[in-house]
Amino acid sequence: MIEIERKFLVISLDFIAESSAQHAIAQGYLNSDPERTVRIRIKGEKGYLTVKGSGNKTGTSRMEWEKEISLEEAKSLLKLCEQGVIEKTRYEVKSGKHTIEIDVFHGENEGLIMAEVELEDENEAILKPNWLGKEVTGDKRYYNSYISLYPFNRW
């Protein structure tokens, strides 16, 4: 139930040619408080309810609980979310023993491209492709719950 991940900005579109999958995602927040976010997500034809706790000092680890829900439930709950439903396309790229998930944001967050790598241990090394840029792990401006309220194109 502990999620360990690092986040990076992406500096080129080279990852697209390396991707093995892509998915359309819509997500919103029933609660965007960083201490306890409650997210509704539609990924392809599946729905998810996710609860996340606050992160540790580095922002690398935090509690996460996720449950698959029906697509119909997710669509209904998405209508109850706070302002700023996020739309993005997620690409998956294998890099060493990890899968890097790259989110290309749309709408009011157009122009923002971020990558996440889930780890088993905070000190685990990762193989960084040349399209990974600055690390933004722990920078709350790059949390999806933040950009749902304060879109990237308004920064």
C-alpha atoms as a PDB file:
ATOM      1  CA  MET A   1       0.000   0.000   0.000  1.00  0.00           C
ATOM      2  CA  ILE A   2       3.021   2.288  -0.098  1.00  0.00           C
ATOM      3  CA  GLU A   3       3.662   3.828  -3.501  1.00  0.00           C
ATOM      4  CA  ILE A   4       7.278   4.717  -4.233  1.00  0.00           C
ATOM      5  CA  GLU A   5       7.803   6.773  -7.386  1.00  0.00           C
ATOM      6  CA  ARG A   6       9.956   9.434  -8.959  1.00  0.00           C
ATOM      7  CA  LYS A   7       8.690  12.077 -11.371  1.00  0.00           C
ATOM      8  CA  PHE A   8      10.489  13.807 -14.203  1.00  0.00           C
ATOM      9  CA  LEU A   9       9.714  16.386 -16.855  1.00  0.00           C
ATOM     10  CA  VAL A  10      10.026  15.064 -20.401  1.00  0.00           C
ATOM     11  CA  ILE A  11      12.125  17.100 -22.845  1.00  0.00           C
ATOM     12  CA  SER A  12      11.377  15.438 -26.196  1.00  0.00           C
ATOM     13  CA  LEU A  13       8.790  13.252 -27.906  1.00  0.00           C
ATOM     14  CA  ASP A  14      11.319  10.471 -28.588  1.00  0.00           C
ATOM     15  CA  PHE A  15       9.495   8.263 -26.064  1.00  0.00           C
ATOM     16  CA  ILE A  16       6.562   7.823 -28.470  1.00  0.00           C
ATOM     17  CA  ALA A  17       8.580   5.585 -30.799  1.00  0.00           C
ATOM     18  CA  GLU A  18       9.683   3.512 -27.787  1.00  0.00           C
ATOM     19  CA  SER A  19       6.222   3.105 -26.250  1.00  0.00           C
ATOM     20  CA  SER A  20       4.547  -0.279 -26.021  1.00  0.00           C
ATOM     21  CA  ALA A  21       1.085   0.985 -25.028  1.00  0.00           C
ATOM     22  CA  GLN A  22      -0.969   4.138 -24.749  1.00  0.00           C
ATOM     23  CA  HIS A  23      -4.219   4.905 -22.951  1.00  0.00           C
ATOM     24  CA  ALA A  24      -6.615   7.839 -22.771  1.00  0.00           C
ATOM     25  CA  ILE A  25      -7.171   8.920 -19.168  1.00  0.00           C
ATOM     26  CA  ALA A  26      -9.678  11.274 -17.557  1.00  0.00           C
ATOM     27  CA  GLN A  27      -9.395  11.902 -13.849  1.00  0.00           C
ATOM     28  CA  GLY A  28     -10.843  14.195 -11.239  1.00  0.00           C
ATOM     29  CA  TYR A  29     -10.649  14.694  -7.514  1.00  0.00           C
ATOM     30  CA  LEU A  30     -13.420  14.304  -4.968  1.00  0.00           C
ATOM     31  CA  ASN A  31     -10.862  15.693  -2.502  1.00  0.00           C
ATOM     32  CA  SER A  32      -7.619  17.367  -3.604  1.00  0.00           C
ATOM     33  CA  ASP A  33      -6.201  17.959  -0.112  1.00  0.00           C
ATOM     34  CA  PRO A  34      -2.553  16.739  -0.334  1.00  0.00           C
ATOM     35  CA  GLU A  35      -2.943  14.974   3.018  1.00  0.00           C
ATOM     36  CA  ARG A  36      -5.685  12.708   1.607  1.00  0.00           C
ATOM     37  CA  THR A  37      -6.508  12.950  -2.081  1.00  0.00           C
ATOM     38  CA  VAL A  38      -9.455  10.960  -3.392  1.00  0.00           C
ATOM     39  CA  ARG A  39      -9.283  10.451  -7.149  1.00  0.00           C
ATOM     40  CA  ILE A  40     -11.670   9.064  -9.737  1.00  0.00           C
ATOM     41  CA  ARG A  41     -10.028   7.828 -12.929  1.00  0.00           C
ATOM     42  CA  ILE A  42     -11.245   6.450 -16.215  1.00  0.00           C
ATOM     43  CA  LYS A  43      -8.484   4.649 -18.093  1.00  0.00           C
ATOM     44  CA  GLY A  44      -9.709   3.148 -21.343  1.00  0.00           C
ATOM     45  CA  GLU A  45     -12.872   1.228 -20.463  1.00  0.00           C
ATOM     46  CA  LYS A  46     -12.108   0.822 -16.746  1.00  0.00           C
ATOM     47  CA  GLY A  47     -12.820   2.971 -13.722  1.00  0.00           C
ATOM     48  CA  TYR A  48     -10.769   3.392 -10.545  1.00  0.00           C
ATOM     49  CA  LEU A  49     -11.192   4.955  -7.124  1.00  0.00           C
ATOM     50  CA  THR A  50      -7.865   5.898  -5.523  1.00  0.00           C
ATOM     51  CA  VAL A  51      -6.999   7.326  -2.118  1.00  0.00           C
ATOM     52  CA  LYS A  52      -3.515   8.742  -1.525  1.00  0.00           C
ATOM     53  CA  GLY A  53      -1.979  10.009   1.699  1.00  0.00           C
ATOM     54  CA  SER A  54       0.625  12.710   2.162  1.00  0.00           C
ATOM     55  CA  GLY A  55       4.144  12.035   0.993  1.00  0.00           C
ATOM     56  CA  ASN A  56       7.310  11.632   3.021  1.00  0.00           C
ATOM     57  CA  LYS A  57       9.920  14.435   3.189  1.00  0.00           C
ATOM     58  CA  THR A  58      11.306  13.698  -0.274  1.00  0.00           C
ATOM     59  CA  GLY A  59       7.880  13.178  -1.842  1.00  0.00           C
ATOM     60  CA  THR A  60       9.001   9.792  -3.120  1.00  0.00           C
ATOM     61  CA  SER A  61       6.800   7.564  -0.927  1.00  0.00           C
ATOM     62  CA  ARG A  62       3.199   7.784   0.185  1.00  0.00           C
ATOM     63  CA  MET A  63       0.268   5.574   1.023  1.00  0.00           C
ATOM     64  CA  GLU A  64      -1.909   4.639  -1.946  1.00  0.00           C
ATOM     65  CA  TRP A  65      -5.038   2.489  -2.062  1.00  0.00           C
ATOM     66  CA  GLU A  66      -6.791   1.784  -5.364  1.00  0.00           C
ATOM     67  CA  LYS A  67      -9.902  -0.183  -6.263  1.00  0.00           C
ATOM     68  CA  GLU A  68     -11.299  -0.909  -9.699  1.00  0.00           C
ATOM     69  CA  ILE A  69     -14.905   0.253 -10.083  1.00  0.00           C
ATOM     70  CA  SER A  70     -17.288  -0.035 -13.008  1.00  0.00           C
ATOM     71  CA  LEU A  71     -17.026   2.412 -15.890  1.00  0.00           C
ATOM     72  CA  GLU A  72     -20.574   3.600 -15.151  1.00  0.00           C
ATOM     73  CA  GLU A  73     -19.699   4.297 -11.504  1.00  0.00           C
ATOM     74  CA  ALA A  74     -16.553   6.164 -12.525  1.00  0.00           C
ATOM     75  CA  LYS A  75     -18.477   8.334 -15.027  1.00  0.00           C
ATOM     76  CA  SER A  76     -21.072   9.191 -12.372  1.00  0.00           C
ATOM     77  CA  LEU A  77     -18.454   9.992  -9.730  1.00  0.00           C
ATOM     78  CA  LEU A  78     -16.414  12.085 -12.177  1.00  0.00           C
ATOM     79  CA  LYS A  79     -19.404  14.446 -12.396  1.00  0.00           C
ATOM     80  CA  LEU A  80     -19.133  15.044  -8.618  1.00  0.00           C
ATOM     81  CA  CYS A  81     -15.444  15.961  -8.718  1.00  0.00           C
ATOM     82  CA  GLU A  82     -13.943  19.344  -7.940  1.00  0.00           C
ATOM     83  CA  GLN A  83     -13.204  21.697 -10.819  1.00  0.00           C
ATOM     84  CA  GLY A  84     -10.530  20.765 -13.302  1.00  0.00           C
ATOM     85  CA  VAL A  85     -10.944  17.241 -14.633  1.00  0.00           C
ATOM     86  CA  ILE A  86      -7.592  16.240 -16.143  1.00  0.00           C
ATOM     87  CA  GLU A  87      -7.345  14.691 -19.599  1.00  0.00           C
ATOM     88  CA  LYS A  88      -4.138  13.051 -20.710  1.00  0.00           C
ATOM     89  CA  THR A  89      -2.664  10.302 -22.829  1.00  0.00           C
ATOM     90  CA  ARG A  90      -0.436   7.849 -20.988  1.00  0.00           C
ATOM     91  CA  TYR A  91       2.389   6.085 -22.803  1.00  0.00           C
ATOM     92  CA  GLU A  92       4.300   3.143 -21.351  1.00  0.00           C
ATOM     93  CA  VAL A  93       7.989   2.614 -22.088  1.00  0.00           C
ATOM     94  CA  LYS A  94      10.095  -0.267 -20.780  1.00  0.00           C
ATOM     95  CA  SER A  95      13.450   0.930 -19.429  1.00  0.00           C
ATOM     96  CA  GLY A  96      15.613  -1.744 -17.844  1.00  0.00           C
ATOM     97  CA  LYS A  97      13.505  -3.517 -15.241  1.00  0.00           C
ATOM     98  CA  HIS A  98      11.076  -0.591 -14.926  1.00  0.00           C
ATOM     99  CA  THR A  99       8.140   0.683 -16.917  1.00  0.00           C
ATOM    100  CA  ILE A 100       8.127   4.448 -17.306  1.00  0.00           C
ATOM    101  CA  GLU A 101       4.669   5.997 -17.600  1.00  0.00           C
ATOM    102  CA  ILE A 102       4.645   9.226 -19.602  1.00  0.00           C
ATOM    103  CA  ASP A 103       1.633  11.515 -19.380  1.00  0.00           C
ATOM    104  CA  VAL A 104       0.956  13.966 -22.205  1.00  0.00           C
ATOM    105  CA  PHE A 105      -1.588  16.426 -20.845  1.00  0.00           C
ATOM    106  CA  HIS A 106      -4.390  18.010 -22.848  1.00  0.00           C
ATOM    107  CA  GLY A 107      -6.801  20.905 -22.377  1.00  0.00           C
ATOM    108  CA  GLU A 108      -5.672  23.518 -19.868  1.00  0.00           C
ATOM    109  CA  ASN A 109      -2.544  21.482 -19.102  1.00  0.00           C
ATOM    110  CA  GLU A 110      -1.466  21.245 -22.746  1.00  0.00           C
ATOM    111  CA  GLY A 111       2.310  21.451 -23.084  1.00  0.00           C
ATOM    112  CA  LEU A 112       3.034  19.575 -19.865  1.00  0.00           C
ATOM    113  CA  ILE A 113       4.628  16.152 -20.301  1.00  0.00           C
ATOM    114  CA  MET A 114       5.683  14.219 -17.206  1.00  0.00           C
ATOM    115  CA  ALA A 115       7.115  10.764 -16.584  1.00  0.00           C
ATOM    116  CA  GLU A 116       6.709   8.585 -13.495  1.00  0.00           C
ATOM    117  CA  VAL A 117       8.720   5.541 -12.486  1.00  0.00           C
ATOM    118  CA  GLU A 118       7.407   3.266  -9.737  1.00  0.00           C
ATOM    119  CA  LEU A 119      10.090   1.695  -7.573  1.00  0.00           C
ATOM    120  CA  GLU A 120      10.367  -1.070  -5.007  1.00  0.00           C
ATOM    121  CA  ASP A 121      12.808   0.933  -2.877  1.00  0.00           C
ATOM    122  CA  GLU A 122      13.494   4.690  -2.638  1.00  0.00           C
ATOM    123  CA  ASN A 123      17.200   4.198  -3.343  1.00  0.00           C
ATOM    124  CA  GLU A 124      16.677   1.944  -6.353  1.00  0.00           C
ATOM    125  CA  ALA A 125      18.616   2.989  -9.444  1.00  0.00           C
ATOM    126  CA  ILE A 126      16.760   3.632 -12.681  1.00  0.00           C
ATOM    127  CA  LEU A 127      17.941   3.644 -16.279  1.00  0.00           C
ATOM    128  CA  LYS A 128      17.193   7.167 -17.532  1.00  0.00           C
ATOM    129  CA  PRO A 129      16.409   7.543 -21.239  1.00  0.00           C
ATOM    130  CA  ASN A 130      17.748  10.702 -22.919  1.00  0.00           C
ATOM    131  CA  TRP A 131      14.242  12.218 -23.119  1.00  0.00           C
ATOM    132  CA  LEU A 132      13.923  12.419 -19.311  1.00  0.00           C
ATOM    133  CA  GLY A 133      14.617  15.925 -18.076  1.00  0.00           C
ATOM    134  CA  LYS A 134      14.589  17.606 -14.677  1.00  0.00           C
ATOM    135  CA  GLU A 135      13.422  15.538 -11.717  1.00  0.00           C
ATOM    136  CA  VAL A 136      10.332  17.056 -10.038  1.00  0.00           C
ATOM    137  CA  THR A 137       9.694  14.402  -7.372  1.00  0.00           C
ATOM    138  CA  GLY A 138       8.203  16.093  -4.318  1.00  0.00           C
ATOM    139  CA  ASP A 139       7.416  19.357  -6.144  1.00  0.00           C
ATOM    140  CA  LYS A 140       3.716  19.735  -5.366  1.00  0.00           C
ATOM    141  CA  ARG A 141       3.157  21.865  -8.502  1.00  0.00           C
ATOM    142  CA  TYR A 142       3.508  18.678 -10.533  1.00  0.00           C
ATOM    143  CA  TYR A 143       0.965  16.642  -8.556  1.00  0.00           C
ATOM    144  CA  ASN A 144      -2.087  15.911 -10.670  1.00  0.00           C
ATOM    145  CA  SER A 145      -4.301  17.150  -7.820  1.00  0.00           C
ATOM    146  CA  TYR A 146      -2.487  20.519  -8.001  1.00  0.00           C
ATOM    147  CA  ILE A 147      -2.720  20.946 -11.765  1.00  0.00           C
ATOM    148  CA  SER A 148      -6.418  20.065 -11.651  1.00  0.00           C
ATOM    149  CA  LEU A 149      -6.907  23.273  -9.618  1.00  0.00           C
ATOM    150  CA  TYR A 150      -4.043  25.351 -11.080  1.00  0.00           C
ATOM    151  CA  PRO A 151      -3.649  24.352 -14.737  1.00  0.00           C
ATOM    152  CA  PHE A 152      -0.212  24.407 -16.325  1.00  0.00           C
ATOM    153  CA  ASN A 153      -1.181  26.996 -18.969  1.00  0.00           C
ATOM    154  CA  ARG A 154      -1.858  29.567 -16.192  1.00  0.00           C
ATOM    155  CA  TRP A 155       1.560  29.313 -14.512  1.00  0.00           C
END
